[in-house]
Amino acid sequence: MKDNYFHICIASEKEVMFRTDNDYRRAFNCLALAVHDTNSVLLADAIMSNHIHFCVQTTNPGEL
């Protein structure tokens, strides 16, 4: 059982990370693959132009 819940934020202080619809799609696809590859559970996500938040249930957040 994956008991541990984590709120993870990846940010860029001075640069826009996502500019186009394709940027947002790629970010979500990369997140989905990381969740799948680490056998985690994605509970929530929010992708904004200069940062991304997500809540996951995982045993190894470092690998995610």
C-alpha atoms as a PDB file:
ATOM      1  CA  MET A   1       0.000   0.000   0.000  1.00  0.00           C
ATOM      2  CA  LYS A   2       1.237   3.488  -0.859  1.00  0.00           C
ATOM      3  CA  ASP A   3       0.706   5.334   2.432  1.00  0.00           C
ATOM      4  CA  ASN A   4       2.709   8.452   1.687  1.00  0.00           C
ATOM      5  CA  TYR A   5       1.108  11.517   0.144  1.00  0.00           C
ATOM      6  CA  PHE A   6       3.233  14.298  -1.344  1.00  0.00           C
ATOM      7  CA  HIS A   7       2.515  17.757  -2.700  1.00  0.00           C
ATOM      8  CA  ILE A   8       5.208  18.515  -5.266  1.00  0.00           C
ATOM      9  CA  CYS A   9       5.772  21.859  -6.950  1.00  0.00           C
ATOM     10  CA  ILE A  10       8.209  22.431  -9.807  1.00  0.00           C
ATOM     11  CA  ALA A  11       8.667  26.101 -10.610  1.00  0.00           C
ATOM     12  CA  SER A  12      10.619  28.510 -12.741  1.00  0.00           C
ATOM     13  CA  GLU A  13      11.117  31.817 -10.973  1.00  0.00           C
ATOM     14  CA  LYS A  14      11.964  33.970 -13.979  1.00  0.00           C
ATOM     15  CA  GLU A  15      10.955  31.993 -17.046  1.00  0.00           C
ATOM     16  CA  VAL A  16       7.714  30.766 -18.555  1.00  0.00           C
ATOM     17  CA  MET A  17       7.744  26.956 -18.695  1.00  0.00           C
ATOM     18  CA  PHE A  18       4.593  26.400 -20.756  1.00  0.00           C
ATOM     19  CA  ARG A  19       3.612  28.738 -23.595  1.00  0.00           C
ATOM     20  CA  THR A  20       1.474  26.728 -25.989  1.00  0.00           C
ATOM     21  CA  ASP A  21      -1.162  24.017 -25.805  1.00  0.00           C
ATOM     22  CA  ASN A  22       1.484  21.530 -26.924  1.00  0.00           C
ATOM     23  CA  ASP A  23       3.704  22.558 -23.981  1.00  0.00           C
ATOM     24  CA  TYR A  24       0.859  21.827 -21.560  1.00  0.00           C
ATOM     25  CA  ARG A  25       0.086  18.496 -23.235  1.00  0.00           C
ATOM     26  CA  ARG A  26       3.718  17.452 -23.112  1.00  0.00           C
ATOM     27  CA  ALA A  27       3.967  18.379 -19.416  1.00  0.00           C
ATOM     28  CA  PHE A  28       0.885  16.337 -18.559  1.00  0.00           C
ATOM     29  CA  ASN A  29       2.099  13.386 -20.643  1.00  0.00           C
ATOM     30  CA  CYS A  30       5.511  13.470 -18.934  1.00  0.00           C
ATOM     31  CA  LEU A  31       3.802  13.578 -15.558  1.00  0.00           C
ATOM     32  CA  ALA A  32       1.522  10.679 -16.502  1.00  0.00           C
ATOM     33  CA  LEU A  33       4.490   8.587 -17.664  1.00  0.00           C
ATOM     34  CA  ALA A  34       6.443   9.353 -14.475  1.00  0.00           C
ATOM     35  CA  VAL A  35       3.448   8.325 -12.358  1.00  0.00           C
ATOM     36  CA  HIS A  36       3.068   5.120 -14.352  1.00  0.00           C
ATOM     37  CA  ASP A  37       6.781   4.261 -14.317  1.00  0.00           C
ATOM     38  CA  THR A  38       7.042   4.717 -10.531  1.00  0.00           C
ATOM     39  CA  ASN A  39       3.794   2.876  -9.777  1.00  0.00           C
ATOM     40  CA  SER A  40       2.423   6.008  -8.101  1.00  0.00           C
ATOM     41  CA  VAL A  41      -1.108   7.388  -7.919  1.00  0.00           C
ATOM     42  CA  LEU A  42      -1.780  10.911  -9.217  1.00  0.00           C
ATOM     43  CA  LEU A  43      -4.456  12.502  -7.059  1.00  0.00           C
ATOM     44  CA  ALA A  44      -4.469  16.071  -8.409  1.00  0.00           C
ATOM     45  CA  ASP A  45      -2.512  18.302 -10.733  1.00  0.00           C
ATOM     46  CA  ALA A  46      -2.384  21.933 -11.783  1.00  0.00           C
ATOM     47  CA  ILE A  47      -0.186  23.101 -14.623  1.00  0.00           C
ATOM     48  CA  MET A  48       0.313  26.857 -14.877  1.00  0.00           C
ATOM     49  CA  SER A  49       2.563  28.871 -17.177  1.00  0.00           C
ATOM     50  CA  ASN A  50       5.506  29.078 -14.770  1.00  0.00           C
ATOM     51  CA  HIS A  51       4.967  26.149 -12.409  1.00  0.00           C
ATOM     52  CA  ILE A  52       3.254  22.814 -11.887  1.00  0.00           C
ATOM     53  CA  HIS A  53       1.740  21.353  -8.719  1.00  0.00           C
ATOM     54  CA  PHE A  54       0.701  17.780  -8.206  1.00  0.00           C
ATOM     55  CA  CYS A  55      -0.392  15.579  -5.364  1.00  0.00           C
ATOM     56  CA  VAL A  56       0.690  11.959  -5.511  1.00  0.00           C
ATOM     57  CA  GLN A  57       0.542   8.853  -3.442  1.00  0.00           C
ATOM     58  CA  THR A  58       3.889   7.106  -3.786  1.00  0.00           C
ATOM     59  CA  THR A  59       6.539   5.140  -1.952  1.00  0.00           C
ATOM     60  CA  ASN A  60       9.409   6.925  -3.705  1.00  0.00           C
ATOM     61  CA  PRO A  61       8.938  10.646  -4.473  1.00  0.00           C
ATOM     62  CA  GLY A  62      12.596  11.011  -5.460  1.00  0.00           C
ATOM     63  CA  GLU A  63      12.142   8.665  -8.406  1.00  0.00           C
ATOM     64  CA  LEU A  64       9.001  10.467  -9.535  1.00  0.00           C
END
